[in-house]
N, C-alpha and C. Protein backbone atom coordinates (compact mmCIF):
# COMPACT_ATOMS: atom_id res chain seq x y z
N UNK A 1 -15.80 -1.49 12.06
CA UNK A 1 -16.46 -1.19 11.08
C UNK A 1 -15.21 -1.57 9.99
N UNK A 2 -15.55 -1.76 8.89
CA UNK A 2 -14.61 -2.08 8.01
C UNK A 2 -15.06 -1.22 6.59
N UNK A 3 -13.93 -0.66 6.47
CA UNK A 3 -13.79 0.72 5.06
C UNK A 3 -13.18 -0.13 4.34
N UNK A 4 -13.89 0.33 2.97
CA UNK A 4 -13.17 -0.42 1.41
C UNK A 4 -13.25 0.78 0.60
N UNK A 5 -12.10 0.76 -0.25
CA UNK A 5 -11.97 1.84 -1.48
C UNK A 5 -11.19 1.35 -2.31
N UNK A 6 -11.27 1.95 -3.53
CA UNK A 6 -10.24 1.58 -4.72
C UNK A 6 -9.24 2.58 -4.77
N UNK A 7 -8.32 2.70 -5.40
CA UNK A 7 -7.14 3.64 -5.57
C UNK A 7 -6.73 3.41 -7.30
N UNK A 8 -6.16 4.04 -7.74
CA UNK A 8 -5.33 3.55 -8.83
C UNK A 8 -4.13 2.99 -8.84
N UNK A 9 -3.06 3.47 -7.74
CA UNK A 9 -1.78 3.14 -7.80
C UNK A 9 -1.36 3.43 -6.12
N UNK A 10 -0.10 2.74 -5.95
CA UNK A 10 0.57 2.68 -4.76
C UNK A 10 0.57 4.04 -4.26
N UNK A 11 0.85 5.33 -4.84
CA UNK A 11 0.84 6.63 -4.35
C UNK A 11 -0.47 6.96 -3.66
N UNK A 12 -1.76 6.73 -4.46
CA UNK A 12 -2.66 6.84 -3.84
C UNK A 12 -3.04 6.15 -2.45
N UNK A 13 -2.53 5.07 -2.83
CA UNK A 13 -2.84 3.95 -1.62
C UNK A 13 -1.99 4.53 -0.31
N UNK A 14 -0.98 5.06 -0.62
CA UNK A 14 -0.02 5.45 0.60
C UNK A 14 -1.02 6.63 1.14
N UNK A 15 -1.24 7.58 0.35
CA UNK A 15 -2.21 8.67 0.96
C UNK A 15 -3.69 8.40 1.73
N UNK A 16 -4.34 7.22 1.14
CA UNK A 16 -5.25 6.89 1.81
C UNK A 16 -5.10 6.00 2.85
N UNK A 17 -3.96 5.36 3.03
CA UNK A 17 -3.31 4.94 4.34
C UNK A 17 -2.80 5.73 5.39
N UNK A 18 -2.54 6.96 5.03
CA UNK A 18 -2.24 7.95 5.94
C UNK A 18 -3.55 8.55 6.45
N UNK A 19 -4.43 8.93 5.81
CA UNK A 19 -5.97 9.12 6.36
C UNK A 19 -6.38 8.29 7.13
N UNK A 20 -6.39 7.11 6.98
CA UNK A 20 -6.95 6.00 7.79
C UNK A 20 -6.25 5.91 9.16
N UNK A 21 -4.94 5.93 9.16
CA UNK A 21 -4.06 6.06 10.49
C UNK A 21 -4.82 7.33 11.49
N UNK A 22 -5.05 8.42 10.88
CA UNK A 22 -5.21 9.57 11.55
C UNK A 22 -6.83 9.34 11.97
N UNK A 23 -7.48 8.25 11.46
CA UNK A 23 -8.86 7.61 12.08
C UNK A 23 -8.91 6.83 12.87
N UNK A 24 -7.46 6.53 13.64
CA UNK A 24 -7.51 5.34 14.45
C UNK A 24 -6.90 3.99 14.03
N UNK A 25 -6.94 3.69 12.42
CA UNK A 25 -6.34 2.30 12.14
C UNK A 25 -5.27 2.57 12.42
N UNK A 26 -4.64 1.38 12.53
CA UNK A 26 -3.10 0.55 12.38
C UNK A 26 -2.79 0.28 11.28
N UNK A 27 -1.52 -0.23 11.03
CA UNK A 27 -1.18 -0.74 9.59
C UNK A 27 -1.88 -2.33 9.96
N UNK A 28 -1.70 -2.85 10.92
CA UNK A 28 -2.07 -3.85 11.37
C UNK A 28 -3.64 -4.20 10.54
N UNK A 29 -4.29 -3.33 10.62
CA UNK A 29 -5.84 -3.03 10.37
C UNK A 29 -6.05 -3.24 8.88
N UNK A 30 -5.09 -2.87 8.20
CA UNK A 30 -5.16 -2.54 6.83
C UNK A 30 -4.55 -3.39 6.03
N UNK A 31 -5.40 -3.44 4.95
CA UNK A 31 -4.91 -4.87 3.81
C UNK A 31 -5.07 -4.29 2.37
N UNK A 32 -4.14 -4.46 1.42
CA UNK A 32 -3.80 -4.02 0.08
C UNK A 32 -4.11 -5.18 -0.82
N UNK A 33 -5.11 -5.15 -1.93
CA UNK A 33 -5.10 -6.18 -2.71
C UNK A 33 -4.80 -5.40 -3.87
N UNK A 34 -4.07 -6.34 -5.12
CA UNK A 34 -4.13 -6.11 -6.54
C UNK A 34 -4.33 -7.40 -7.16
N UNK A 35 -4.74 -7.29 -8.17
CA UNK A 35 -4.86 -8.46 -9.01
C UNK A 35 -3.73 -9.64 -9.24
N UNK A 36 -2.19 -8.90 -9.25
CA UNK A 36 -1.22 -9.42 -9.33
C UNK A 36 -0.68 -9.68 -8.18
N UNK A 37 0.06 -10.99 -7.93
CA UNK A 37 0.02 -11.36 -6.71
C UNK A 37 1.49 -10.69 -6.30
N UNK A 38 2.39 -10.44 -7.35
CA UNK A 38 3.53 -9.89 -7.04
C UNK A 38 3.85 -8.28 -6.83
N UNK A 39 2.42 -7.61 -7.11
CA UNK A 39 2.27 -6.13 -7.30
C UNK A 39 1.50 -6.15 -5.64
N UNK A 40 0.84 -7.14 -5.13
CA UNK A 40 0.16 -7.09 -3.78
C UNK A 40 1.34 -7.12 -2.67
N UNK A 41 2.34 -8.20 -3.02
CA UNK A 41 3.16 -8.40 -2.35
C UNK A 41 3.86 -7.20 -1.98
N UNK A 42 4.35 -6.56 -3.31
CA UNK A 42 5.44 -5.53 -3.11
C UNK A 42 4.71 -4.29 -2.51
N UNK A 43 3.48 -3.92 -3.02
CA UNK A 43 2.72 -2.90 -2.53
C UNK A 43 2.49 -3.09 -0.70
N UNK A 44 2.29 -4.01 -0.41
CA UNK A 44 2.25 -4.29 1.19
C UNK A 44 3.47 -4.30 1.84
N UNK A 45 4.36 -4.73 1.45
CA UNK A 45 5.79 -4.56 1.72
C UNK A 45 6.21 -3.39 1.96
N UNK A 46 6.14 -2.51 0.77
CA UNK A 46 6.46 -0.91 0.47
C UNK A 46 5.86 -0.15 1.83
N UNK A 47 4.35 -0.49 1.87
CA UNK A 47 3.53 0.54 2.75
C UNK A 47 3.87 -0.06 4.27
N UNK A 48 3.83 -1.43 4.13
CA UNK A 48 4.36 -2.02 5.58
C UNK A 48 2.64 -2.39 6.25
N UNK A 49 1.63 -2.83 5.12
CA UNK A 49 0.43 -3.25 5.62
C UNK A 49 0.14 -4.60 6.14
N UNK A 50 -1.04 -5.00 6.35
CA UNK A 50 -1.23 -6.48 6.88
C UNK A 50 -1.25 -7.37 5.31
N UNK A 51 -0.98 -8.61 5.79
CA UNK A 51 -0.85 -9.46 4.70
C UNK A 51 -1.90 -10.42 5.18
N UNK A 52 -3.23 -10.58 4.20
CA UNK A 52 -4.15 -12.09 4.84
C UNK A 52 -3.66 -13.27 4.62
N UNK A 53 -3.59 -14.01 5.76
CA UNK A 53 -3.20 -15.27 5.72
C UNK A 53 -3.75 -16.02 6.52
N UNK A 54 -2.61 -16.93 7.34
CA UNK A 54 -3.50 -18.11 8.11
C UNK A 54 -4.40 -17.15 9.34
N UNK A 55 -3.81 -16.51 9.76
CA UNK A 55 -4.66 -15.45 11.07
C UNK A 55 -5.91 -15.06 10.23
N UNK A 56 -6.09 -14.50 9.52
CA UNK A 56 -7.50 -14.08 8.88
C UNK A 56 -8.14 -15.10 8.41
N UNK A 57 -7.63 -16.50 7.48
CA UNK A 57 -8.13 -17.21 6.77
C UNK A 57 -8.32 -18.61 7.63
N UNK A 58 -7.50 -18.98 8.22
CA UNK A 58 -7.50 -20.26 8.73
C UNK A 58 -6.90 -21.57 7.78
N UNK A 59 -6.29 -22.28 8.27
CA UNK A 59 -5.34 -23.09 7.75
C UNK A 59 -6.45 -23.61 6.48
N UNK A 60 -7.49 -24.39 6.71
CA UNK A 60 -8.08 -24.98 5.13
C UNK A 60 -8.14 -23.88 4.29
N UNK A 61 -8.95 -22.77 4.45
CA UNK A 61 -9.12 -22.15 3.37
C UNK A 61 -7.52 -21.49 2.86
N UNK A 62 -6.85 -21.28 3.63
CA UNK A 62 -5.24 -21.03 3.24
C UNK A 62 -4.58 -22.13 1.98
N UNK A 63 -4.89 -23.35 2.62
CA UNK A 63 -4.65 -24.66 1.87
C UNK A 63 -5.28 -24.59 0.29
N UNK A 64 -6.82 -24.32 0.60
CA UNK A 64 -7.66 -24.32 -0.68
C UNK A 64 -7.42 -23.24 -1.85
N UNK A 65 -6.81 -21.89 -0.91
CA UNK A 65 -6.41 -20.96 -2.24
C UNK A 65 -5.33 -21.16 -3.06
N UNK A 66 -4.40 -22.62 -2.19
CA UNK A 66 -3.07 -22.41 -3.42
C UNK A 66 -3.60 -23.36 -4.69
N UNK A 67 -4.72 -24.11 -4.39
CA UNK A 67 -5.39 -24.78 -5.99
C UNK A 67 -6.40 -23.75 -6.50
N UNK A 68 -6.47 -22.90 -5.98
CA UNK A 68 -7.75 -22.16 -6.61
C UNK A 68 -7.26 -21.33 -7.89
N UNK A 69 -8.22 -20.58 -8.36
CA UNK A 69 -7.84 -19.31 -9.59
C UNK A 69 -7.69 -18.43 -8.94
N UNK A 70 -6.99 -17.33 -9.52
CA UNK A 70 -6.81 -16.07 -8.81
C UNK A 70 -7.69 -15.47 -8.23
N UNK A 71 -9.01 -15.12 -8.87
CA UNK A 71 -10.14 -14.81 -8.81
C UNK A 71 -10.87 -15.50 -7.84
N UNK A 72 -10.90 -16.62 -7.57
CA UNK A 72 -11.29 -17.42 -6.04
C UNK A 72 -10.50 -17.22 -4.97
N UNK A 73 -9.20 -16.93 -5.20
CA UNK A 73 -8.35 -16.56 -4.17
C UNK A 73 -8.56 -15.02 -3.70
N UNK A 74 -8.75 -14.02 -4.62
CA UNK A 74 -9.01 -13.00 -4.21
C UNK A 74 -10.35 -12.74 -3.39
N UNK A 75 -11.03 -13.30 -3.90
CA UNK A 75 -12.59 -13.25 -3.26
C UNK A 75 -12.73 -13.80 -1.62
N UNK A 76 -11.87 -15.03 -1.56
CA UNK A 76 -11.50 -15.56 -0.27
C UNK A 76 -10.82 -14.71 0.74
N UNK A 77 -9.94 -13.94 0.16
CA UNK A 77 -9.24 -13.11 0.86
C UNK A 77 -9.97 -11.93 1.17
N UNK A 78 -10.54 -11.33 0.32
CA UNK A 78 -11.38 -10.10 0.56
C UNK A 78 -12.32 -10.27 1.78
N UNK A 79 -12.84 -11.71 1.64
CA UNK A 79 -13.79 -11.75 2.36
C UNK A 79 -12.98 -12.46 3.91
N UNK A 80 -12.11 -12.67 4.02
CA UNK A 80 -11.52 -12.76 5.32
C UNK A 80 -10.82 -11.63 5.54
N UNK A 81 -10.92 -10.65 5.35
CA UNK A 81 -10.35 -9.36 5.25
C UNK A 81 -11.70 -8.40 6.49
N UNK A 82 -12.96 -8.90 5.84
CA UNK A 82 -14.24 -8.23 6.37
C UNK A 82 -15.21 -8.39 5.52
N UNK A 83 -14.92 -8.27 4.22
CA UNK A 83 -15.98 -7.96 3.27
C UNK A 83 -17.10 -9.09 3.29
N UNK A 84 -18.42 -8.94 2.71
CA UNK A 84 -19.51 -9.78 2.48
C UNK A 84 -19.10 -10.38 1.01
N UNK A 85 -19.57 -11.63 1.01
CA UNK A 85 -19.30 -12.16 -0.34
C UNK A 85 -19.29 -11.55 -1.80
N UNK A 86 -21.06 -10.80 -1.55
CA UNK A 86 -21.12 -9.86 -2.51
C UNK A 86 -20.06 -8.80 -3.30
N UNK A 87 -19.84 -8.15 -1.79
CA UNK A 87 -18.73 -7.05 -1.81
C UNK A 87 -17.19 -7.69 -2.15
N UNK A 88 -17.03 -8.83 -2.12
CA UNK A 88 -15.56 -9.54 -2.35
C UNK A 88 -15.52 -9.80 -3.67
N UNK A 89 -16.88 -10.02 -4.65
CA UNK A 89 -17.06 -10.41 -5.80
C UNK A 89 -16.87 -8.84 -6.80
N UNK A 90 -17.60 -7.96 -5.79
CA UNK A 90 -17.49 -6.58 -6.58
C UNK A 90 -16.34 -5.92 -6.62
N UNK A 91 -15.63 -6.06 -5.33
CA UNK A 91 -14.06 -5.51 -5.41
C UNK A 91 -13.46 -6.08 -6.07
N UNK A 92 -13.57 -7.99 -6.47
CA UNK A 92 -12.59 -8.35 -7.24
C UNK A 92 -12.79 -8.05 -8.56
N UNK A 93 -13.81 -7.66 -9.25
CA UNK A 93 -13.81 -6.88 -10.31
C UNK A 93 -13.12 -5.67 -10.66
N UNK A 94 -12.92 -4.79 -9.34
CA UNK A 94 -11.99 -3.50 -9.64
C UNK A 94 -10.63 -4.23 -9.86
N UNK A 95 -10.32 -4.86 -9.12
CA UNK A 95 -9.06 -5.50 -9.32
C UNK A 95 -8.89 -6.29 -10.87
N UNK A 96 -9.72 -6.54 -11.30
CA UNK A 96 -9.65 -7.21 -12.64
C UNK A 96 -9.41 -5.93 -13.72
N UNK A 97 -9.87 -4.61 -13.00
CA UNK A 97 -9.36 -3.48 -14.12
C UNK A 97 -8.30 -2.93 -13.70
N UNK A 98 -7.27 -3.61 -12.65
CA UNK A 98 -6.20 -3.15 -12.58
C UNK A 98 -6.09 -1.93 -11.24
N UNK A 99 -7.12 -1.87 -10.68
CA UNK A 99 -7.17 -1.10 -9.68
C UNK A 99 -6.58 -1.72 -8.50
N UNK A 100 -6.10 -0.84 -7.08
CA UNK A 100 -5.97 -1.54 -5.65
C UNK A 100 -7.44 -1.46 -5.07
N UNK A 101 -7.36 -2.33 -4.24
CA UNK A 101 -8.36 -2.49 -3.24
C UNK A 101 -7.61 -2.22 -1.68
N UNK A 102 -8.07 -1.32 -0.95
CA UNK A 102 -7.86 -1.01 0.44
C UNK A 102 -8.81 -1.48 1.24
N UNK A 103 -8.76 -2.17 2.31
CA UNK A 103 -9.62 -2.99 3.37
C UNK A 103 -8.97 -2.43 4.50
N UNK A 104 -9.70 -1.74 5.33
CA UNK A 104 -9.40 -1.18 6.74
C UNK A 104 -10.37 -1.83 7.79
N UNK A 105 -9.98 -2.78 8.38
CA UNK A 105 -10.94 -3.53 9.45
C UNK A 105 -10.40 -3.99 11.00
N UNK A 106 -10.84 -3.21 11.46
CA UNK A 106 -10.22 -3.24 12.92
C UNK A 106 -10.75 -4.58 13.62
N UNK A 107 -11.79 -5.13 13.17
CA UNK A 107 -12.34 -6.56 13.92
C UNK A 107 -11.85 -7.67 13.28
N UNK A 108 -10.94 -7.85 12.32
CA UNK A 108 -10.24 -9.06 11.70
C UNK A 108 -9.02 -9.49 12.68
N UNK A 109 -9.45 -10.83 13.50
CA UNK A 109 -8.53 -11.35 14.43
C UNK A 109 -7.81 -12.77 13.64
């Protein structure tokens, strides 16, 4: 099952992640997205959550993201974390507003 939510900041994200852990999700099941790459990396590192990379996307999609716009890259990573293309587009719009998106997915391999 894939859970998706938006939060305003890292403090709210931490609280939601703690709730997800009580529901049986591990930090390896949880992904945090921000529109800004540095913000994503900083929050992911601080909260010790998973990062979407080769394991989730595969080599070709990861390479393609290097030349894609940030919006295209975010939608691809959201989809790799378990969202449908339509959901990825919807949540990418939330990222454009400065929010954080949390995706918890036990089935991403």
